């Protein structure tokens, strides 16, 4: 989780690790297995997509979020890095 999430948000690695530990403490998942091409194809149909960009809600810090646009190509690169 820290690799991708901390690259596209302003949440620190320490904050991310803290949330991950809390999720693990309660037996909640911290990872997901998925087919990256299927995920990307679904995101291409998302209503938040505008041309070659897609909008995401990203955390600035715990409790504060903003909308950001991300180029689809960059999103594909992030998904490719995860697997």
C-alpha atoms as a PDB file:
ATOM      1  CA  UNK A   1       0.000   0.000   0.000  1.00  0.00           C
ATOM      2  CA  UNK A   2       2.626   2.657   0.808  1.00  0.00           C
ATOM      3  CA  UNK A   3       4.289   2.588  -2.628  1.00  0.00           C
ATOM      4  CA  UNK A   4       1.341   3.664  -4.767  1.00  0.00           C
ATOM      5  CA  UNK A   5      -0.648   5.603  -2.223  1.00  0.00           C
ATOM      6  CA  UNK A   6       2.191   7.790  -0.997  1.00  0.00           C
ATOM      7  CA  UNK A   7       3.206   8.554  -4.594  1.00  0.00           C
ATOM      8  CA  UNK A   8      -0.174  10.041  -5.481  1.00  0.00           C
ATOM      9  CA  UNK A   9      -1.151  11.614  -2.146  1.00  0.00           C
ATOM     10  CA  UNK A  10       0.420  13.747   0.506  1.00  0.00           C
ATOM     11  CA  UNK A  11      -0.137  11.156   3.241  1.00  0.00           C
ATOM     12  CA  UNK A  12       3.174  10.177   4.784  1.00  0.00           C
ATOM     13  CA  UNK A  13       4.557   6.666   4.820  1.00  0.00           C
ATOM     14  CA  UNK A  14       4.274   6.741   8.634  1.00  0.00           C
ATOM     15  CA  UNK A  15       0.558   7.647   8.497  1.00  0.00           C
ATOM     16  CA  UNK A  16      -0.059   4.964   5.889  1.00  0.00           C
ATOM     17  CA  UNK A  17       1.751   2.366   8.021  1.00  0.00           C
ATOM     18  CA  UNK A  18      -0.285   3.427  11.062  1.00  0.00           C
ATOM     19  CA  UNK A  19      -3.580   2.917   9.223  1.00  0.00           C
ATOM     20  CA  UNK A  20      -2.345  -0.390   7.813  1.00  0.00           C
ATOM     21  CA  UNK A  21      -1.470  -1.628  11.342  1.00  0.00           C
ATOM     22  CA  UNK A  22      -4.903  -0.589  12.602  1.00  0.00           C
ATOM     23  CA  UNK A  23      -6.624  -2.492   9.786  1.00  0.00           C
ATOM     24  CA  UNK A  24      -4.512  -5.571  10.523  1.00  0.00           C
ATOM     25  CA  UNK A  25      -5.337  -5.305  14.245  1.00  0.00           C
ATOM     26  CA  UNK A  26      -9.025  -5.728  13.422  1.00  0.00           C
ATOM     27  CA  UNK A  27      -8.424  -8.477  10.871  1.00  0.00           C
ATOM     28  CA  UNK A  28      -9.278  -6.278   7.887  1.00  0.00           C
ATOM     29  CA  UNK A  29      -7.543  -6.667   4.525  1.00  0.00           C
ATOM     30  CA  UNK A  30      -4.655  -4.380   3.581  1.00  0.00           C
ATOM     31  CA  UNK A  31      -4.046  -5.818   0.122  1.00  0.00           C
ATOM     32  CA  UNK A  32      -6.240  -6.783  -2.796  1.00  0.00           C
ATOM     33  CA  UNK A  33      -5.595  -9.184  -5.634  1.00  0.00           C
ATOM     34  CA  UNK A  34      -6.934  -8.011  -8.965  1.00  0.00           C
ATOM     35  CA  UNK A  35      -6.415  -8.129 -12.697  1.00  0.00           C
ATOM     36  CA  UNK A  36      -4.836  -4.765 -13.523  1.00  0.00           C
ATOM     37  CA  UNK A  37      -6.083  -4.743 -17.133  1.00  0.00           C
ATOM     38  CA  UNK A  38      -9.678  -5.389 -15.999  1.00  0.00           C
ATOM     39  CA  UNK A  39      -9.404  -2.613 -13.426  1.00  0.00           C
ATOM     40  CA  UNK A  40      -8.006  -0.189 -16.003  1.00  0.00           C
ATOM     41  CA  UNK A  41     -10.714  -1.087 -18.546  1.00  0.00           C
ATOM     42  CA  UNK A  42     -13.422  -0.445 -15.958  1.00  0.00           C
ATOM     43  CA  UNK A  43     -11.846   2.894 -15.020  1.00  0.00           C
ATOM     44  CA  UNK A  44     -11.963   3.889 -18.702  1.00  0.00           C
ATOM     45  CA  UNK A  45     -15.771   3.778 -18.395  1.00  0.00           C
ATOM     46  CA  UNK A  46     -15.897   5.674 -15.085  1.00  0.00           C
ATOM     47  CA  UNK A  47     -18.073   8.810 -14.994  1.00  0.00           C
ATOM     48  CA  UNK A  48     -15.181  10.730 -13.396  1.00  0.00           C
ATOM     49  CA  UNK A  49     -13.125  10.259 -16.561  1.00  0.00           C
ATOM     50  CA  UNK A  50     -12.779  13.250 -18.878  1.00  0.00           C
ATOM     51  CA  UNK A  51     -10.750  12.506 -21.998  1.00  0.00           C
ATOM     52  CA  UNK A  52      -7.291  11.318 -20.977  1.00  0.00           C
ATOM     53  CA  UNK A  53      -7.777  12.299 -17.304  1.00  0.00           C
ATOM     54  CA  UNK A  54      -9.644  10.763 -14.373  1.00  0.00           C
ATOM     55  CA  UNK A  55     -10.590  12.486 -11.126  1.00  0.00           C
ATOM     56  CA  UNK A  56      -9.837  10.945  -7.733  1.00  0.00           C
ATOM     57  CA  UNK A  57     -10.424  11.902  -4.135  1.00  0.00           C
ATOM     58  CA  UNK A  58      -6.960  11.889  -2.560  1.00  0.00           C
ATOM     59  CA  UNK A  59      -5.999  12.475   1.035  1.00  0.00           C
ATOM     60  CA  UNK A  60      -3.856  15.463   1.936  1.00  0.00           C
ATOM     61  CA  UNK A  61      -3.704  14.125   5.468  1.00  0.00           C
ATOM     62  CA  UNK A  62      -5.953  11.981   7.607  1.00  0.00           C
ATOM     63  CA  UNK A  63      -9.277  13.812   7.744  1.00  0.00           C
ATOM     64  CA  UNK A  64      -8.644  16.171   4.788  1.00  0.00           C
ATOM     65  CA  UNK A  65      -9.168  15.258   1.143  1.00  0.00           C
ATOM     66  CA  UNK A  66      -9.202  17.006  -2.231  1.00  0.00           C
ATOM     67  CA  UNK A  67     -10.189  16.173  -5.787  1.00  0.00           C
ATOM     68  CA  UNK A  68      -7.251  15.660  -8.129  1.00  0.00           C
ATOM     69  CA  UNK A  69      -7.000  14.775 -11.797  1.00  0.00           C
ATOM     70  CA  UNK A  70      -4.607  12.064 -12.870  1.00  0.00           C
ATOM     71  CA  UNK A  71      -3.651  11.247 -16.457  1.00  0.00           C
ATOM     72  CA  UNK A  72      -4.911   7.788 -17.414  1.00  0.00           C
ATOM     73  CA  UNK A  73      -1.436   6.866 -18.653  1.00  0.00           C
ATOM     74  CA  UNK A  74       0.028   7.640 -15.201  1.00  0.00           C
ATOM     75  CA  UNK A  75      -2.724   5.569 -13.578  1.00  0.00           C
ATOM     76  CA  UNK A  76      -1.872   2.659 -15.893  1.00  0.00           C
ATOM     77  CA  UNK A  77       1.795   2.983 -14.888  1.00  0.00           C
ATOM     78  CA  UNK A  78       0.835   2.863 -11.192  1.00  0.00           C
ATOM     79  CA  UNK A  79      -1.318  -0.231 -11.753  1.00  0.00           C
ATOM     80  CA  UNK A  80       1.503  -1.907 -13.686  1.00  0.00           C
ATOM     81  CA  UNK A  81       3.926  -1.224 -10.797  1.00  0.00           C
ATOM     82  CA  UNK A  82       1.657  -2.944  -8.310  1.00  0.00           C
ATOM     83  CA  UNK A  83       1.971  -6.389  -9.882  1.00  0.00           C
END
